[in-house]
Amino acid sequence: MQIIGLDIGFGFTKVTDGSRRTLFKSLVGEAPDIAFREPLVAADGDAPSLHLALEDEPYFVGDLAERQSSVRQYTLDQDQLIAEFSRRLGVAALAQLARDNEPLHVVTGLPVRYYRRHRDSLARQLTGSHRVSLYGPDGKETALTVKVEKVRVVPQPFGSLFGAMLNDIGKVSDTALAREKVGVIDIGFRTADYAVAERTRYSERASGTSEHGIAQAFELVAAALQEKSGVAVELYRLYQGVQDGAIKVRGRNYDLSGIRERTFERLARAVAGEVNRLWDQDWDIDTILLTGGGGSVLAPHLAPLVAGEVRAVENEDARFNNVDGYWRYGVHLWER
């Protein structure tokens, strides 16, 4: 039995088994026949080349779909993500770590607003035996059955709380967090989630979801870039440019650092205003955890605006904060 943490996000899909972890853009594309597969030069840190077939239906995922597929699909709609993307993205991620026909116990999460509506349907999409073929860079096929035996779906921000509170053997390592009233601000690509737990008990009243994900800032950057360059750059192709503060379009370099900082500041003010209103009655929160890929980039702008003691969740890659916690919670549930 393998325990796996899985996070199917609007921006990236992440997966870990505690010792290995990987992520790829939540982008699906058709799988054309590629005449030349080998990279001209192998680059360090390249994302996995994800060409697979699920029940004999071939498709590309992530960077490979961005580079090679003429028809590419991604979504910023939660209903569509569950109905049309969750199985293809989830199985693609699980197949990177799964052993053939070995039972998997999976912990995953959903934004607070969509948790009740979609938790059962997400579990159904993932549960069962999935017949998969993986194709390497040389085109060689590896067949396996991804056998998902159990799925536990939790409110998304709790992943980071579990990650901060539990250790790698599923035991409570931060007893203060386990005893305290903790707020979590989880800023993802499409949504921002807010959750409160008092002595690990979830507070429905003080939890919620807004549309203030980092995609809002990307949309403003894309609009400014289009005005200058005349090119409408897809949001999923802006990650590196926003991170670097510059992007090259048709041979010309465009500085994004100014618009990036202005949009991040604007987004931080919106998130802080919402959090301060939502938690107006929760003046007794001991610690506020700031997490998510968006949380790491907004932290310098957001932390001074939020009322309370704010602590950024530490991770070498903040995009893994929730999925690492899902895995630790899975160990707590099933391995102890």
Protein backbone atom coordinates (compact mmCIF):
# COMPACT_ATOMS: atom_id res chain seq x y z
CA MET A 1 0.00 0.00 0.00
CA GLN A 2 1.29 3.46 -0.95
CA ILE A 3 0.15 6.70 0.66
CA ILE A 4 0.13 9.65 -1.72
CA GLY A 5 -0.72 13.33 -1.39
CA LEU A 6 -2.32 14.84 -4.50
CA ASP A 7 -3.21 18.47 -5.24
CA ILE A 8 -5.04 19.18 -8.51
CA GLY A 9 -4.81 22.93 -8.82
CA PHE A 10 -5.86 25.37 -11.51
CA GLY A 11 -2.24 26.35 -12.09
CA PHE A 12 -0.28 23.21 -11.24
CA THR A 13 -0.95 19.61 -10.28
CA LYS A 14 1.32 18.37 -7.48
CA VAL A 15 1.94 14.90 -6.06
CA THR A 16 4.20 13.30 -3.43
CA ASP A 17 4.75 9.98 -1.70
CA GLY A 18 6.94 11.51 0.99
CA SER A 19 10.25 10.70 -0.70
CA ARG A 20 9.51 11.80 -4.26
CA ARG A 21 7.44 14.68 -5.51
CA THR A 22 6.71 16.30 -8.83
CA LEU A 23 4.47 18.94 -10.38
CA PHE A 24 3.31 20.00 -13.82
CA LYS A 25 1.06 22.66 -15.28
CA SER A 26 -2.63 21.70 -15.20
CA LEU A 27 -2.72 21.76 -18.97
CA VAL A 28 -3.98 18.94 -21.21
CA GLY A 29 -3.40 18.66 -24.95
CA GLU A 30 -3.90 16.34 -27.88
CA ALA A 31 -1.08 13.86 -28.51
CA PRO A 32 0.20 14.22 -32.09
CA ASP A 33 2.90 11.92 -33.45
CA ILE A 34 6.27 13.60 -32.80
CA ALA A 35 8.95 12.93 -35.39
CA PHE A 36 11.89 13.99 -33.19
CA ARG A 37 11.56 13.37 -29.46
CA GLU A 38 15.01 13.77 -27.94
CA PRO A 39 15.94 17.17 -26.44
CA LEU A 40 18.77 18.91 -28.26
CA VAL A 41 20.45 19.59 -24.92
CA ALA A 42 19.36 18.06 -21.60
CA ALA A 43 18.49 20.85 -19.13
CA ASP A 44 18.69 20.57 -15.35
CA GLY A 45 15.35 20.76 -13.59
CA ASP A 46 13.30 19.91 -16.67
CA ALA A 47 9.70 19.00 -15.87
CA PRO A 48 8.75 15.38 -16.57
CA SER A 49 7.76 14.68 -20.15
CA LEU A 50 4.17 13.53 -19.67
CA HIS A 51 2.83 11.59 -22.61
CA LEU A 52 0.35 8.95 -21.53
CA ALA A 53 -2.81 7.13 -22.49
CA LEU A 54 -5.69 6.57 -20.08
CA GLU A 55 -7.92 3.66 -21.10
CA ASP A 56 -6.32 3.89 -24.61
CA GLU A 57 -6.99 7.65 -24.94
CA PRO A 58 -3.62 9.37 -25.52
CA TYR A 59 -2.86 12.91 -24.34
CA PHE A 60 -0.03 15.23 -23.38
CA VAL A 61 0.14 17.02 -20.03
CA GLY A 62 1.95 20.09 -18.73
CA ASP A 63 4.94 21.54 -20.57
CA LEU A 64 4.80 18.84 -23.24
CA ALA A 65 1.22 19.88 -24.11
CA GLU A 66 2.31 23.53 -24.18
CA ARG A 67 5.19 22.77 -26.57
CA GLN A 68 3.65 20.14 -28.83
CA SER A 69 -0.18 20.19 -28.80
CA SER A 70 -2.12 22.29 -31.29
CA VAL A 71 -5.27 21.86 -29.19
CA ARG A 72 -4.64 22.67 -25.51
CA GLN A 73 -7.14 22.81 -22.66
CA TYR A 74 -7.04 24.36 -19.22
CA THR A 75 -9.75 25.81 -17.02
CA LEU A 76 -10.38 28.34 -14.27
CA ASP A 77 -13.85 26.92 -13.54
CA GLN A 78 -14.17 24.58 -10.55
CA ASP A 79 -17.08 22.54 -11.94
CA GLN A 80 -15.21 21.95 -15.19
CA LEU A 81 -11.98 21.12 -13.37
CA ILE A 82 -13.72 18.30 -11.50
CA ALA A 83 -15.86 16.98 -14.36
CA GLU A 84 -13.41 17.17 -17.26
CA PHE A 85 -9.87 17.48 -15.91
CA SER A 86 -9.54 15.90 -12.47
CA ARG A 87 -9.30 12.28 -13.63
CA ARG A 88 -6.84 12.96 -16.45
CA LEU A 89 -4.63 15.23 -14.36
CA GLY A 90 -4.93 13.15 -11.18
CA VAL A 91 -4.11 9.83 -12.84
CA ALA A 92 -1.23 11.45 -14.77
CA ALA A 93 0.23 12.60 -11.45
CA LEU A 94 -0.36 9.33 -9.59
CA ALA A 95 1.16 7.33 -12.44
CA GLN A 96 4.50 9.09 -11.85
CA LEU A 97 4.79 7.47 -8.40
CA ALA A 98 2.51 4.41 -8.46
CA ARG A 99 3.67 0.84 -8.69
CA ASP A 100 1.69 -1.44 -10.97
CA ASN A 101 -1.50 -2.68 -9.29
CA GLU A 102 -0.38 -1.69 -5.80
CA PRO A 103 -3.23 -0.14 -3.77
CA LEU A 104 -2.99 3.61 -3.32
CA HIS A 105 -4.45 5.59 -0.43
CA VAL A 106 -4.76 9.19 -1.57
CA VAL A 107 -5.37 12.43 0.34
CA THR A 108 -6.37 15.45 -1.71
CA GLY A 109 -8.21 18.73 -1.15
CA LEU A 110 -10.75 21.21 -2.48
CA PRO A 111 -11.28 24.94 -1.94
CA VAL A 112 -13.50 25.60 1.07
CA ARG A 113 -16.41 26.97 -0.99
CA TYR A 114 -16.52 23.89 -3.23
CA TYR A 115 -15.73 21.26 -0.62
CA ARG A 116 -19.26 20.04 0.13
CA ARG A 117 -20.37 20.20 -3.51
CA HIS A 118 -17.47 18.33 -5.08
CA ARG A 119 -15.80 16.10 -2.47
CA ASP A 120 -17.78 12.99 -3.39
CA SER A 121 -17.49 13.51 -7.15
CA LEU A 122 -13.72 14.10 -6.89
CA ALA A 123 -13.33 10.91 -4.86
CA ARG A 124 -15.35 9.00 -7.47
CA GLN A 125 -13.21 10.35 -10.32
CA LEU A 126 -10.04 9.09 -8.65
CA THR A 127 -11.18 5.83 -7.03
CA GLY A 128 -10.81 2.55 -8.90
CA SER A 129 -8.39 0.91 -11.31
CA HIS A 130 -7.08 3.10 -14.12
CA ARG A 131 -5.32 1.43 -17.06
CA VAL A 132 -2.42 3.66 -18.07
CA SER A 133 0.35 3.64 -20.66
CA LEU A 134 3.32 5.94 -20.08
CA TYR A 135 5.56 6.91 -23.00
CA GLY A 136 9.17 7.92 -22.41
CA PRO A 137 11.13 10.49 -24.44
CA ASP A 138 12.18 7.67 -26.78
CA GLY A 139 8.56 6.63 -27.31
CA LYS A 140 8.95 3.43 -25.28
CA GLU A 141 5.69 2.36 -23.63
CA THR A 142 5.33 1.29 -20.00
CA ALA A 143 1.93 -0.13 -19.07
CA LEU A 144 0.59 -0.12 -15.54
CA THR A 145 -2.63 -0.14 -13.57
CA VAL A 146 -3.04 2.76 -11.15
CA LYS A 147 -5.17 1.23 -8.41
CA VAL A 148 -6.71 3.85 -6.11
CA GLU A 149 -8.28 2.06 -3.16
CA LYS A 150 -9.11 4.96 -0.82
CA VAL A 151 -9.49 8.71 -1.27
CA ARG A 152 -9.81 11.22 1.57
CA VAL A 153 -10.80 14.76 0.53
CA VAL A 154 -10.15 17.61 3.00
CA PRO A 155 -10.65 21.40 2.90
CA GLN A 156 -7.66 22.64 0.93
CA PRO A 157 -6.03 25.00 3.49
CA PHE A 158 -5.80 22.17 6.00
CA GLY A 159 -3.03 20.65 3.90
CA SER A 160 -0.66 23.39 5.03
CA LEU A 161 -1.86 23.08 8.64
CA PHE A 162 -1.22 19.32 8.59
CA GLY A 163 2.18 19.94 7.00
CA ALA A 164 3.18 22.39 9.73
CA MET A 165 1.68 20.38 12.59
CA LEU A 166 2.62 16.76 11.70
CA ASN A 167 5.97 15.11 11.05
CA ASP A 168 6.89 12.48 8.46
CA ILE A 169 5.60 9.62 10.62
CA GLY A 170 2.21 11.26 11.05
CA LYS A 171 2.68 12.40 14.66
CA VAL A 172 2.06 15.87 16.03
CA SER A 173 5.42 17.64 16.08
CA ASP A 174 4.20 21.21 16.67
CA THR A 175 2.09 20.88 19.80
CA ALA A 176 1.48 24.64 19.97
CA LEU A 177 -0.37 24.60 16.64
CA ALA A 178 -2.38 21.60 17.81
CA ARG A 179 -3.51 23.49 20.93
CA GLU A 180 -3.99 26.95 19.42
CA LYS A 181 -6.63 28.68 17.35
CA VAL A 182 -5.04 28.89 13.91
CA GLY A 183 -6.07 30.77 10.80
CA VAL A 184 -4.83 29.72 7.37
CA ILE A 185 -4.65 31.98 4.31
CA ASP A 186 -4.01 29.81 1.25
CA ILE A 187 -3.53 31.76 -1.99
CA GLY A 188 -3.57 29.57 -5.06
CA PHE A 189 -3.76 30.32 -8.75
CA ARG A 190 -7.53 30.72 -9.11
CA THR A 191 -8.78 31.09 -5.53
CA ALA A 192 -7.80 32.28 -2.09
CA ASP A 193 -8.98 30.09 0.79
CA TYR A 194 -9.40 31.06 4.41
CA ALA A 195 -9.87 28.52 7.19
CA VAL A 196 -9.83 28.55 10.98
CA ALA A 197 -9.17 25.58 13.24
CA GLU A 198 -9.38 25.73 17.03
CA ARG A 199 -7.48 22.87 18.66
CA THR A 200 -7.60 21.21 15.19
CA ARG A 201 -11.43 21.56 14.99
CA TYR A 202 -12.64 23.19 11.80
CA SER A 203 -14.69 26.40 12.06
CA GLU A 204 -17.26 26.58 9.26
CA ARG A 205 -18.31 30.13 10.15
CA ALA A 206 -14.80 31.55 9.84
CA SER A 207 -13.82 29.74 6.63
CA GLY A 208 -14.44 30.59 3.02
CA THR A 209 -13.14 31.04 -0.52
CA SER A 210 -12.71 34.13 -2.69
CA GLU A 211 -11.69 34.72 -6.28
CA HIS A 212 -8.53 36.57 -5.22
CA GLY A 213 -6.06 34.01 -6.55
CA ILE A 214 -2.77 34.99 -8.17
CA ALA A 215 -4.48 34.65 -11.58
CA GLN A 216 -6.06 38.06 -10.94
CA ALA A 217 -2.61 39.61 -10.95
CA PHE A 218 -1.63 37.57 -14.02
CA GLU A 219 -4.69 38.85 -15.89
CA LEU A 220 -3.67 42.46 -15.24
CA VAL A 221 -0.08 41.72 -16.28
CA ALA A 222 -1.34 40.02 -19.46
CA ALA A 223 -3.56 43.00 -20.29
CA ALA A 224 -0.69 45.46 -19.82
CA LEU A 225 1.62 43.25 -21.90
CA GLN A 226 -0.94 42.97 -24.70
CA GLU A 227 -1.32 46.76 -24.76
CA LYS A 228 2.44 47.15 -25.24
CA SER A 229 3.20 44.17 -27.48
CA GLY A 230 -0.08 43.51 -29.29
CA VAL A 231 0.12 39.82 -28.28
CA ALA A 232 -2.39 38.12 -25.95
CA VAL A 233 -0.16 35.84 -23.88
CA GLU A 234 -1.98 32.92 -22.24
CA LEU A 235 -1.92 33.02 -18.44
CA TYR A 236 -0.20 29.64 -18.14
CA ARG A 237 2.70 31.00 -20.23
CA LEU A 238 3.33 33.93 -17.88
CA TYR A 239 4.71 32.01 -14.88
CA GLN A 240 8.39 32.42 -15.68
CA GLY A 241 8.04 35.97 -16.97
CA VAL A 242 6.24 37.16 -13.84
CA GLN A 243 8.80 35.39 -11.66
CA ASP A 244 11.74 36.92 -13.58
CA GLY A 245 10.13 40.34 -13.98
CA ALA A 246 10.68 40.31 -17.74
CA ILE A 247 9.48 38.46 -20.82
CA LYS A 248 10.56 38.35 -24.47
CA VAL A 249 7.78 38.64 -27.06
CA ARG A 250 8.70 38.42 -30.76
CA GLY A 251 12.31 39.21 -30.03
CA ARG A 252 11.67 42.22 -27.81
CA ASN A 253 12.13 42.29 -24.04
CA TYR A 254 9.34 43.73 -21.90
CA ASP A 255 9.87 44.72 -18.28
CA LEU A 256 7.13 43.26 -16.07
CA SER A 257 8.60 44.16 -12.68
CA GLY A 258 6.68 47.42 -12.25
CA ILE A 259 3.24 46.09 -13.23
CA ARG A 260 3.95 42.91 -11.23
CA GLU A 261 4.59 44.80 -8.00
CA ARG A 262 1.59 47.08 -8.51
CA THR A 263 -0.77 44.17 -9.17
CA PHE A 264 0.63 42.17 -6.23
CA GLU A 265 0.09 45.16 -3.93
CA ARG A 266 -3.48 45.57 -5.22
CA LEU A 267 -4.23 41.87 -4.76
CA ALA A 268 -2.73 41.87 -1.26
CA ARG A 269 -4.99 44.75 -0.22
CA ALA A 270 -8.05 42.86 -1.52
CA VAL A 271 -7.10 39.66 0.33
CA ALA A 272 -6.29 41.51 3.56
CA GLY A 273 -9.59 43.38 3.48
CA GLU A 274 -11.50 40.14 3.04
CA VAL A 275 -9.57 38.31 5.78
CA ASN A 276 -9.97 41.14 8.27
CA ARG A 277 -13.73 41.23 7.64
CA LEU A 278 -14.17 37.45 7.75
CA TRP A 279 -12.19 37.10 10.99
CA ASP A 280 -13.51 40.25 12.66
CA GLN A 281 -14.99 38.19 15.51
CA ASP A 282 -11.98 35.89 15.72
CA TRP A 283 -9.70 38.31 17.56
CA ASP A 284 -8.41 35.34 19.60
CA ILE A 285 -6.60 33.67 16.67
CA ASP A 286 -3.12 32.81 17.95
CA THR A 287 -1.31 32.24 14.65
CA ILE A 288 -2.10 32.93 10.99
CA LEU A 289 -0.37 30.64 8.49
CA LEU A 290 0.22 32.18 5.06
CA THR A 291 0.61 29.51 2.41
CA GLY A 292 0.19 28.54 -1.23
CA GLY A 293 2.23 29.44 -4.30
CA GLY A 294 0.49 32.82 -4.37
CA GLY A 295 1.00 33.28 -0.66
CA SER A 296 4.78 33.09 -1.00
CA VAL A 297 4.95 35.89 -3.58
CA LEU A 298 2.34 38.05 -1.83
CA ALA A 299 3.85 37.64 1.64
CA PRO A 300 5.87 40.90 1.70
CA HIS A 301 2.78 42.86 0.60
CA LEU A 302 0.16 40.95 2.58
CA ALA A 303 1.65 40.24 6.01
CA PRO A 304 1.73 43.90 7.17
CA LEU A 305 -1.94 44.35 6.18
CA VAL A 306 -3.41 41.38 8.09
CA ALA A 307 -4.42 41.86 11.71
CA GLY A 308 -2.61 39.21 13.74
CA GLU A 309 0.63 37.24 13.98
CA VAL A 310 1.36 36.04 10.43
CA ARG A 311 3.75 33.16 9.79
CA ALA A 312 4.69 32.13 6.26
CA VAL A 313 4.81 28.34 5.83
CA GLU A 314 8.39 27.39 4.97
CA ASN A 315 9.10 25.11 2.03
CA GLU A 316 11.71 25.13 -0.70
CA ASP A 317 8.77 25.38 -3.13
CA ALA A 318 5.60 26.88 -1.61
CA ARG A 319 3.47 25.19 -4.26
CA PHE A 320 4.02 21.92 -2.36
CA ASN A 321 2.81 23.22 1.02
CA ASN A 322 -0.63 21.62 0.81
CA VAL A 323 0.35 18.39 -0.92
CA ASP A 324 3.15 17.68 1.57
CA GLY A 325 0.57 18.13 4.34
CA TYR A 326 -1.91 15.84 2.59
CA TRP A 327 0.72 13.10 2.54
CA ARG A 328 1.55 13.55 6.23
CA TYR A 329 -2.14 13.42 7.07
CA GLY A 330 -2.42 10.21 5.04
CA VAL A 331 0.40 8.69 7.09
CA HIS A 332 -1.43 9.82 10.26
CA LEU A 333 -4.65 8.16 9.05
CA TRP A 334 -3.46 4.90 7.56
CA GLU A 335 0.08 3.99 8.53
CA ARG A 336 0.24 4.52 12.27
